[in-house]
């Protein structure tokens, strides 16, 4: 992964823009605050949950519960 060099004034590298990274980090920290910290072991689960909520990929409580159980019928190809 190529980094950006803030000291040299480079704030954009392809699709990576520092404002986007900082904004996402801020939203993630604010969302995680009520959990009082997350074990590294479960971080990928929380990031997946946040990914679903952020993009409004799953809109019903039933679909969210199914996704939490590893069932994704809305993604099934028929």
PDB file of N, CA and C in Angstrom:
ATOM      1  N   UNK A   1       0.847  -1.178   0.000  1.00  0.00           N
ATOM      2  CA  UNK A   1       0.000   0.000   0.000  1.00  0.00           C
ATOM      3  C   UNK A   1       0.891   1.239   0.000  1.00  0.00           C
ATOM      4  N   UNK A   2       0.567   2.169  -0.822  1.00  0.00           N
ATOM      5  CA  UNK A   2       1.327   3.401  -0.920  1.00  0.00           C
ATOM      6  C   UNK A   2       0.758   4.428   0.059  1.00  0.00           C
ATOM      7  N   UNK A   3       1.614   5.046   0.830  1.00  0.00           N
ATOM      8  CA  UNK A   3       1.178   6.040   1.803  1.00  0.00           C
ATOM      9  C   UNK A   3       1.179   7.441   1.213  1.00  0.00           C
ATOM     10  N   UNK A   4       0.618   8.349   1.951  1.00  0.00           N
ATOM     11  CA  UNK A   4       0.646   9.756   1.559  1.00  0.00           C
ATOM     12  C   UNK A   4       1.667  10.467   2.435  1.00  0.00           C
ATOM     13  N   UNK A   5       2.281  11.513   1.902  1.00  0.00           N
ATOM     14  CA  UNK A   5       3.304  12.255   2.626  1.00  0.00           C
ATOM     15  C   UNK A   5       2.744  13.631   2.984  1.00  0.00           C
ATOM     16  N   UNK A   6       2.226  13.746   4.196  1.00  0.00           N
ATOM     17  CA  UNK A   6       1.601  14.998   4.612  1.00  0.00           C
ATOM     18  C   UNK A   6       2.610  16.133   4.717  1.00  0.00           C
ATOM     19  N   UNK A   7       3.826  15.827   5.127  1.00  0.00           N
ATOM     20  CA  UNK A   7       4.849  16.883   5.245  1.00  0.00           C
ATOM     21  C   UNK A   7       5.174  17.499   3.895  1.00  0.00           C
ATOM     22  N   UNK A   8       5.104  16.705   2.849  1.00  0.00           N
ATOM     23  CA  UNK A   8       5.384  17.214   1.506  1.00  0.00           C
ATOM     24  C   UNK A   8       4.143  17.820   0.864  1.00  0.00           C
ATOM     25  N   UNK A   9       3.023  17.816   1.583  1.00  0.00           N
ATOM     26  CA  UNK A   9       1.787  18.393   1.067  1.00  0.00           C
ATOM     27  C   UNK A   9       0.976  17.438   0.211  1.00  0.00           C
ATOM     28  N   UNK A  10       1.353  16.153   0.191  1.00  0.00           N
ATOM     29  CA  UNK A  10       0.613  15.163  -0.600  1.00  0.00           C
ATOM     30  C   UNK A  10      -0.472  14.573   0.293  1.00  0.00           C
ATOM     31  N   UNK A  11      -1.705  14.871  -0.027  1.00  0.00           N
ATOM     32  CA  UNK A  11      -2.829  14.419   0.792  1.00  0.00           C
ATOM     33  C   UNK A  11      -3.744  13.444   0.062  1.00  0.00           C
ATOM     34  N   UNK A  12      -3.429  13.184  -1.210  1.00  0.00           N
ATOM     35  CA  UNK A  12      -4.248  12.279  -2.013  1.00  0.00           C
ATOM     36  C   UNK A  12      -3.338  11.268  -2.689  1.00  0.00           C
ATOM     37  N   UNK A  13      -3.732  10.004  -2.640  1.00  0.00           N
ATOM     38  CA  UNK A  13      -3.004   8.942  -3.332  1.00  0.00           C
ATOM     39  C   UNK A  13      -4.041   7.994  -3.912  1.00  0.00           C
ATOM     40  N   UNK A  14      -4.382   8.187  -5.166  1.00  0.00           N
ATOM     41  CA  UNK A  14      -5.424   7.364  -5.790  1.00  0.00           C
ATOM     42  C   UNK A  14      -6.764   7.623  -5.132  1.00  0.00           C
ATOM     43  N   UNK A  15      -7.381   6.565  -4.639  1.00  0.00           N
ATOM     44  CA  UNK A  15      -8.684   6.691  -3.994  1.00  0.00           C
ATOM     45  C   UNK A  15      -8.561   7.096  -2.527  1.00  0.00           C
ATOM     46  N   UNK A  16      -7.339   7.120  -2.000  1.00  0.00           N
ATOM     47  CA  UNK A  16      -7.126   7.455  -0.594  1.00  0.00           C
ATOM     48  C   UNK A  16      -6.951   8.965  -0.456  1.00  0.00           C
ATOM     49  N   UNK A  17      -7.818   9.565   0.309  1.00  0.00           N
ATOM     50  CA  UNK A  17      -7.750  10.996   0.570  1.00  0.00           C
ATOM     51  C   UNK A  17      -7.794  11.178   2.079  1.00  0.00           C
ATOM     52  N   UNK A  18      -6.894  11.956   2.622  1.00  0.00           N
ATOM     53  CA  UNK A  18      -6.790  12.104   4.079  1.00  0.00           C
ATOM     54  C   UNK A  18      -8.094  12.566   4.721  1.00  0.00           C
ATOM     55  N   UNK A  19      -8.840  13.425   4.060  1.00  0.00           N
ATOM     56  CA  UNK A  19     -10.108  13.876   4.641  1.00  0.00           C
ATOM     57  C   UNK A  19     -11.086  12.709   4.785  1.00  0.00           C
ATOM     58  N   UNK A  20     -11.117  11.813   3.785  1.00  0.00           N
ATOM     59  CA  UNK A  20     -11.999  10.651   3.865  1.00  0.00           C
ATOM     60  C   UNK A  20     -11.575   9.713   4.990  1.00  0.00           C
ATOM     61  N   UNK A  21     -10.274   9.494   5.107  1.00  0.00           N
ATOM     62  CA  UNK A  21      -9.763   8.613   6.160  1.00  0.00           C
ATOM     63  C   UNK A  21     -10.067   9.205   7.537  1.00  0.00           C
ATOM     64  N   UNK A  22      -9.807  10.488   7.709  1.00  0.00           N
ATOM     65  CA  UNK A  22     -10.067  11.140   8.998  1.00  0.00           C
ATOM     66  C   UNK A  22     -11.552  11.153   9.337  1.00  0.00           C
ATOM     67  N   UNK A  23     -12.398  11.378   8.342  1.00  0.00           N
ATOM     68  CA  UNK A  23     -13.844  11.395   8.585  1.00  0.00           C
ATOM     69  C   UNK A  23     -14.341  10.015   8.992  1.00  0.00           C
ATOM     70  N   UNK A  24     -13.876   8.973   8.291  1.00  0.00           N
ATOM     71  CA  UNK A  24     -14.293   7.612   8.641  1.00  0.00           C
ATOM     72  C   UNK A  24     -13.802   7.240  10.036  1.00  0.00           C
ATOM     73  N   UNK A  25     -12.562   7.590  10.343  1.00  0.00           N
ATOM     74  CA  UNK A  25     -12.003   7.285  11.657  1.00  0.00           C
ATOM     75  C   UNK A  25     -12.809   7.967  12.756  1.00  0.00           C
ATOM     76  N   UNK A  26     -13.202   9.201  12.524  1.00  0.00           N
ATOM     77  CA  UNK A  26     -13.997   9.936  13.499  1.00  0.00           C
ATOM     78  C   UNK A  26     -15.359   9.271  13.718  1.00  0.00           C
ATOM     79  N   UNK A  27     -16.030   8.896  12.618  1.00  0.00           N
ATOM     80  CA  UNK A  27     -17.336   8.231  12.743  1.00  0.00           C
ATOM     81  C   UNK A  27     -17.208   6.889  13.443  1.00  0.00           C
ATOM     82  N   UNK A  28     -16.148   6.144  13.120  1.00  0.00           N
ATOM     83  CA  UNK A  28     -15.936   4.833  13.739  1.00  0.00           C
ATOM     84  C   UNK A  28     -15.682   4.959  15.236  1.00  0.00           C
ATOM     85  N   UNK A  29     -14.825   5.890  15.639  1.00  0.00           N
ATOM     86  CA  UNK A  29     -14.536   6.083  17.065  1.00  0.00           C
ATOM     87  C   UNK A  29     -15.791   6.506  17.824  1.00  0.00           C
ATOM     88  N   UNK A  30     -16.580   7.396  17.233  1.00  0.00           N
ATOM     89  CA  UNK A  30     -17.817   7.849  17.881  1.00  0.00           C
ATOM     90  C   UNK A  30     -18.792   6.683  18.039  1.00  0.00           C
ATOM     91  N   UNK A  31     -18.880   5.834  17.017  1.00  0.00           N
ATOM     92  CA  UNK A  31     -19.787   4.695  17.064  1.00  0.00           C
ATOM     93  C   UNK A  31     -19.324   3.640  18.063  1.00  0.00           C
ATOM     94  N   UNK A  32     -18.003   3.458  18.199  1.00  0.00           N
ATOM     95  CA  UNK A  32     -17.463   2.451  19.114  1.00  0.00           C
ATOM     96  C   UNK A  32     -17.469   2.895  20.582  1.00  0.00           C
ATOM     97  N   UNK A  33     -17.591   4.176  20.854  1.00  0.00           N
ATOM     98  CA  UNK A  33     -17.500   4.708  22.217  1.00  0.00           C
ATOM     99  C   UNK A  33     -18.436   4.006  23.209  1.00  0.00           C
ATOM    100  N   UNK A  34     -19.695   3.760  22.880  1.00  0.00           N
ATOM    101  CA  UNK A  34     -20.577   3.103  23.856  1.00  0.00           C
ATOM    102  C   UNK A  34     -20.162   1.679  24.215  1.00  0.00           C
ATOM    103  N   UNK A  35     -19.330   1.054  23.401  1.00  0.00           N
ATOM    104  CA  UNK A  35     -18.892  -0.311  23.679  1.00  0.00           C
ATOM    105  C   UNK A  35     -17.715  -0.353  24.653  1.00  0.00           C
ATOM    106  N   UNK A  36     -17.150   0.802  25.004  1.00  0.00           N
ATOM    107  CA  UNK A  36     -16.030   0.908  25.950  1.00  0.00           C
ATOM    108  C   UNK A  36     -14.836   0.056  25.533  1.00  0.00           C
ATOM    109  N   UNK A  37     -14.514   0.116  24.271  1.00  0.00           N
ATOM    110  CA  UNK A  37     -13.366  -0.623  23.755  1.00  0.00           C
ATOM    111  C   UNK A  37     -13.776  -1.936  23.134  1.00  0.00           C
ATOM    112  N   UNK A  38     -12.986  -2.381  22.189  1.00  0.00           N
ATOM    113  CA  UNK A  38     -13.270  -3.609  21.466  1.00  0.00           C
ATOM    114  C   UNK A  38     -12.003  -4.452  21.472  1.00  0.00           C
ATOM    115  N   UNK A  39     -12.146  -5.716  21.779  1.00  0.00           N
ATOM    116  CA  UNK A  39     -10.999  -6.624  21.735  1.00  0.00           C
ATOM    117  C   UNK A  39     -10.535  -6.762  20.288  1.00  0.00           C
ATOM    118  N   UNK A  40      -9.234  -6.800  20.088  1.00  0.00           N
ATOM    119  CA  UNK A  40      -8.668  -6.941  18.747  1.00  0.00           C
ATOM    120  C   UNK A  40      -9.231  -8.172  18.054  1.00  0.00           C
ATOM    121  N   UNK A  41      -9.483  -9.190  18.829  1.00  0.00           N
ATOM    122  CA  UNK A  41     -10.030 -10.444  18.302  1.00  0.00           C
ATOM    123  C   UNK A  41     -11.360 -10.239  17.593  1.00  0.00           C
ATOM    124  N   UNK A  42     -12.165  -9.294  18.056  1.00  0.00           N
ATOM    125  CA  UNK A  42     -13.497  -9.072  17.501  1.00  0.00           C
ATOM    126  C   UNK A  42     -13.586  -7.827  16.623  1.00  0.00           C
ATOM    127  N   UNK A  43     -12.470  -7.151  16.397  1.00  0.00           N
ATOM    128  CA  UNK A  43     -12.491  -5.905  15.642  1.00  0.00           C
ATOM    129  C   UNK A  43     -13.066  -6.088  14.240  1.00  0.00           C
ATOM    130  N   UNK A  44     -12.732  -7.173  13.567  1.00  0.00           N
ATOM    131  CA  UNK A  44     -13.256  -7.384  12.211  1.00  0.00           C
ATOM    132  C   UNK A  44     -14.772  -7.510  12.223  1.00  0.00           C
ATOM    133  N   UNK A  45     -15.348  -8.097  13.277  1.00  0.00           N
ATOM    134  CA  UNK A  45     -16.806  -8.198  13.382  1.00  0.00           C
ATOM    135  C   UNK A  45     -17.436  -6.814  13.522  1.00  0.00           C
ATOM    136  N   UNK A  46     -16.852  -5.967  14.365  1.00  0.00           N
ATOM    137  CA  UNK A  46     -17.377  -4.620  14.543  1.00  0.00           C
ATOM    138  C   UNK A  46     -17.224  -3.793  13.263  1.00  0.00           C
ATOM    139  N   UNK A  47     -16.093  -3.957  12.562  1.00  0.00           N
ATOM    140  CA  UNK A  47     -15.894  -3.229  11.312  1.00  0.00           C
ATOM    141  C   UNK A  47     -16.896  -3.671  10.254  1.00  0.00           C
ATOM    142  N   UNK A  48     -17.205  -4.962  10.212  1.00  0.00           N
ATOM    143  CA  UNK A  48     -18.223  -5.459   9.292  1.00  0.00           C
ATOM    144  C   UNK A  48     -19.595  -4.912   9.624  1.00  0.00           C
ATOM    145  N   UNK A  49     -19.903  -4.871  10.909  1.00  0.00           N
ATOM    146  CA  UNK A  49     -21.183  -4.315  11.364  1.00  0.00           C
ATOM    147  C   UNK A  49     -21.269  -2.851  10.957  1.00  0.00           C
ATOM    148  N   UNK A  50     -20.214  -2.091  11.196  1.00  0.00           N
ATOM    149  CA  UNK A  50     -20.195  -0.670  10.836  1.00  0.00           C
ATOM    150  C   UNK A  50     -20.296  -0.480   9.328  1.00  0.00           C
ATOM    151  N   UNK A  51     -19.652  -1.358   8.557  1.00  0.00           N
ATOM    152  CA  UNK A  51     -19.703  -1.300   7.096  1.00  0.00           C
ATOM    153  C   UNK A  51     -21.141  -1.453   6.618  1.00  0.00           C
ATOM    154  N   UNK A  52     -21.878  -2.375   7.235  1.00  0.00           N
ATOM    155  CA  UNK A  52     -23.284  -2.597   6.879  1.00  0.00           C
ATOM    156  C   UNK A  52     -24.107  -1.356   7.209  1.00  0.00           C
ATOM    157  N   UNK A  53     -23.917  -0.799   8.400  1.00  0.00           N
ATOM    158  CA  UNK A  53     -24.693   0.369   8.816  1.00  0.00           C
ATOM    159  C   UNK A  53     -24.342   1.616   8.014  1.00  0.00           C
ATOM    160  N   UNK A  54     -23.058   1.803   7.734  1.00  0.00           N
ATOM    161  CA  UNK A  54     -22.591   3.001   7.035  1.00  0.00           C
ATOM    162  C   UNK A  54     -23.178   3.123   5.637  1.00  0.00           C
ATOM    163  N   UNK A  55     -23.224   2.031   4.920  1.00  0.00           N
ATOM    164  CA  UNK A  55     -23.683   2.072   3.533  1.00  0.00           C
ATOM    165  C   UNK A  55     -25.158   1.690   3.398  1.00  0.00           C
ATOM    166  N   UNK A  56     -25.809   1.451   4.518  1.00  0.00           N
ATOM    167  CA  UNK A  56     -27.224   1.053   4.527  1.00  0.00           C
ATOM    168  C   UNK A  56     -27.460  -0.152   3.612  1.00  0.00           C
ATOM    169  N   UNK A  57     -26.566  -1.135   3.715  1.00  0.00           N
ATOM    170  CA  UNK A  57     -26.654  -2.328   2.883  1.00  0.00           C
ATOM    171  C   UNK A  57     -27.786  -3.253   3.327  1.00  0.00           C
ATOM    172  N   UNK A  58     -28.057  -3.269   4.608  1.00  0.00           N
ATOM    173  CA  UNK A  58     -29.137  -4.091   5.148  1.00  0.00           C
ATOM    174  C   UNK A  58     -30.090  -3.148   5.868  1.00  0.00           C
ATOM    175  N   UNK A  59     -31.333  -3.212   5.495  1.00  0.00           N
ATOM    176  CA  UNK A  59     -32.283  -2.210   6.004  1.00  0.00           C
ATOM    177  C   UNK A  59     -33.283  -2.724   7.020  1.00  0.00           C
ATOM    178  N   UNK A  60     -33.444  -4.024   7.136  1.00  0.00           N
ATOM    179  CA  UNK A  60     -34.418  -4.524   8.099  1.00  0.00           C
ATOM    180  C   UNK A  60     -33.710  -5.236   9.244  1.00  0.00           C
ATOM    181  N   UNK A  61     -34.377  -5.267  10.379  1.00  0.00           N
ATOM    182  CA  UNK A  61     -33.806  -5.927  11.554  1.00  0.00           C
ATOM    183  C   UNK A  61     -33.630  -7.422  11.310  1.00  0.00           C
ATOM    184  N   UNK A  62     -34.555  -8.024  10.585  1.00  0.00           N
ATOM    185  CA  UNK A  62     -34.472  -9.456  10.284  1.00  0.00           C
ATOM    186  C   UNK A  62     -33.255  -9.758   9.420  1.00  0.00           C
ATOM    187  N   UNK A  63     -33.029  -8.945   8.406  1.00  0.00           N
ATOM    188  CA  UNK A  63     -31.863  -9.140   7.534  1.00  0.00           C
ATOM    189  C   UNK A  63     -30.565  -8.939   8.301  1.00  0.00           C
ATOM    190  N   UNK A  64     -30.545  -7.964   9.213  1.00  0.00           N
ATOM    191  CA  UNK A  64     -29.357  -7.722  10.019  1.00  0.00           C
ATOM    192  C   UNK A  64     -29.078  -8.909  10.937  1.00  0.00           C
ATOM    193  N   UNK A  65     -30.108  -9.463  11.539  1.00  0.00           N
ATOM    194  CA  UNK A  65     -29.938 -10.638  12.396  1.00  0.00           C
ATOM    195  C   UNK A  65     -29.438 -11.828  11.587  1.00  0.00           C
ATOM    196  N   UNK A  66     -30.003 -12.041  10.411  1.00  0.00           N
ATOM    197  CA  UNK A  66     -29.545 -13.136   9.550  1.00  0.00           C
ATOM    198  C   UNK A  66     -28.084 -12.953   9.165  1.00  0.00           C
ATOM    199  N   UNK A  67     -27.680 -11.726   8.847  1.00  0.00           N
ATOM    200  CA  UNK A  67     -26.285 -11.455   8.488  1.00  0.00           C
ATOM    201  C   UNK A  67     -25.372 -11.722   9.675  1.00  0.00           C
ATOM    202  N   UNK A  68     -25.826 -11.365  10.884  1.00  0.00           N
ATOM    203  CA  UNK A  68     -25.028 -11.616  12.082  1.00  0.00           C
ATOM    204  C   UNK A  68     -24.841 -13.114  12.309  1.00  0.00           C
ATOM    205  N   UNK A  69     -25.805 -13.897  11.868  1.00  0.00           N
ATOM    206  CA  UNK A  69     -25.717 -15.355  12.002  1.00  0.00           C
ATOM    207  C   UNK A  69     -25.013 -15.999  10.816  1.00  0.00           C
ATOM    208  N   UNK A  70     -24.565 -15.165   9.869  1.00  0.00           N
ATOM    209  CA  UNK A  70     -23.830 -15.681   8.716  1.00  0.00           C
ATOM    210  C   UNK A  70     -24.706 -16.099   7.561  1.00  0.00           C
ATOM    211  N   UNK A  71     -25.971 -15.715   7.580  1.00  0.00           N
ATOM    212  CA  UNK A  71     -26.900 -16.054   6.503  1.00  0.00           C
ATOM    213  C   UNK A  71     -27.148 -14.806   5.668  1.00  0.00           C
ATOM    214  N   UNK A  72     -26.860 -14.881   4.386  1.00  0.00           N
ATOM    215  CA  UNK A  72     -26.996 -13.724   3.504  1.00  0.00           C
ATOM    216  C   UNK A  72     -27.919 -14.044   2.332  1.00  0.00           C
ATOM    217  N   UNK A  73     -29.211 -14.273   2.582  1.00  0.00           N
ATOM    218  CA  UNK A  73     -30.109 -14.628   1.470  1.00  0.00           C
ATOM    219  C   UNK A  73     -30.255 -13.494   0.450  1.00  0.00           C
ATOM    220  N   UNK A  74     -30.064 -12.253   0.858  1.00  0.00           N
ATOM    221  CA  UNK A  74     -30.200 -11.133  -0.071  1.00  0.00           C
ATOM    222  C   UNK A  74     -29.026 -11.063  -1.039  1.00  0.00           C
ATOM    223  N   UNK A  75     -27.951 -11.806  -0.778  1.00  0.00           N
ATOM    224  CA  UNK A  75     -26.796 -11.828  -1.660  1.00  0.00           C
ATOM    225  C   UNK A  75     -26.745 -13.102  -2.506  1.00  0.00           C
ATOM    226  N   UNK A  76     -27.713 -13.977  -2.321  1.00  0.00           N
ATOM    227  CA  UNK A  76     -27.701 -15.252  -3.027  1.00  0.00           C
ATOM    228  C   UNK A  76     -27.946 -15.038  -4.518  1.00  0.00           C
ATOM    229  N   UNK A  77     -27.199 -15.781  -5.317  1.00  0.00           N
ATOM    230  CA  UNK A  77     -27.361 -15.728  -6.767  1.00  0.00           C
ATOM    231  C   UNK A  77     -28.232 -16.892  -7.172  1.00  0.00           C
ATOM    232  N   UNK A  78     -29.292 -16.601  -7.920  1.00  0.00           N
ATOM    233  CA  UNK A  78     -30.196 -17.686  -8.338  1.00  0.00           C
ATOM    234  C   UNK A  78     -30.086 -17.947  -9.803  1.00  0.00           C
TER     235      UNK A  78
END
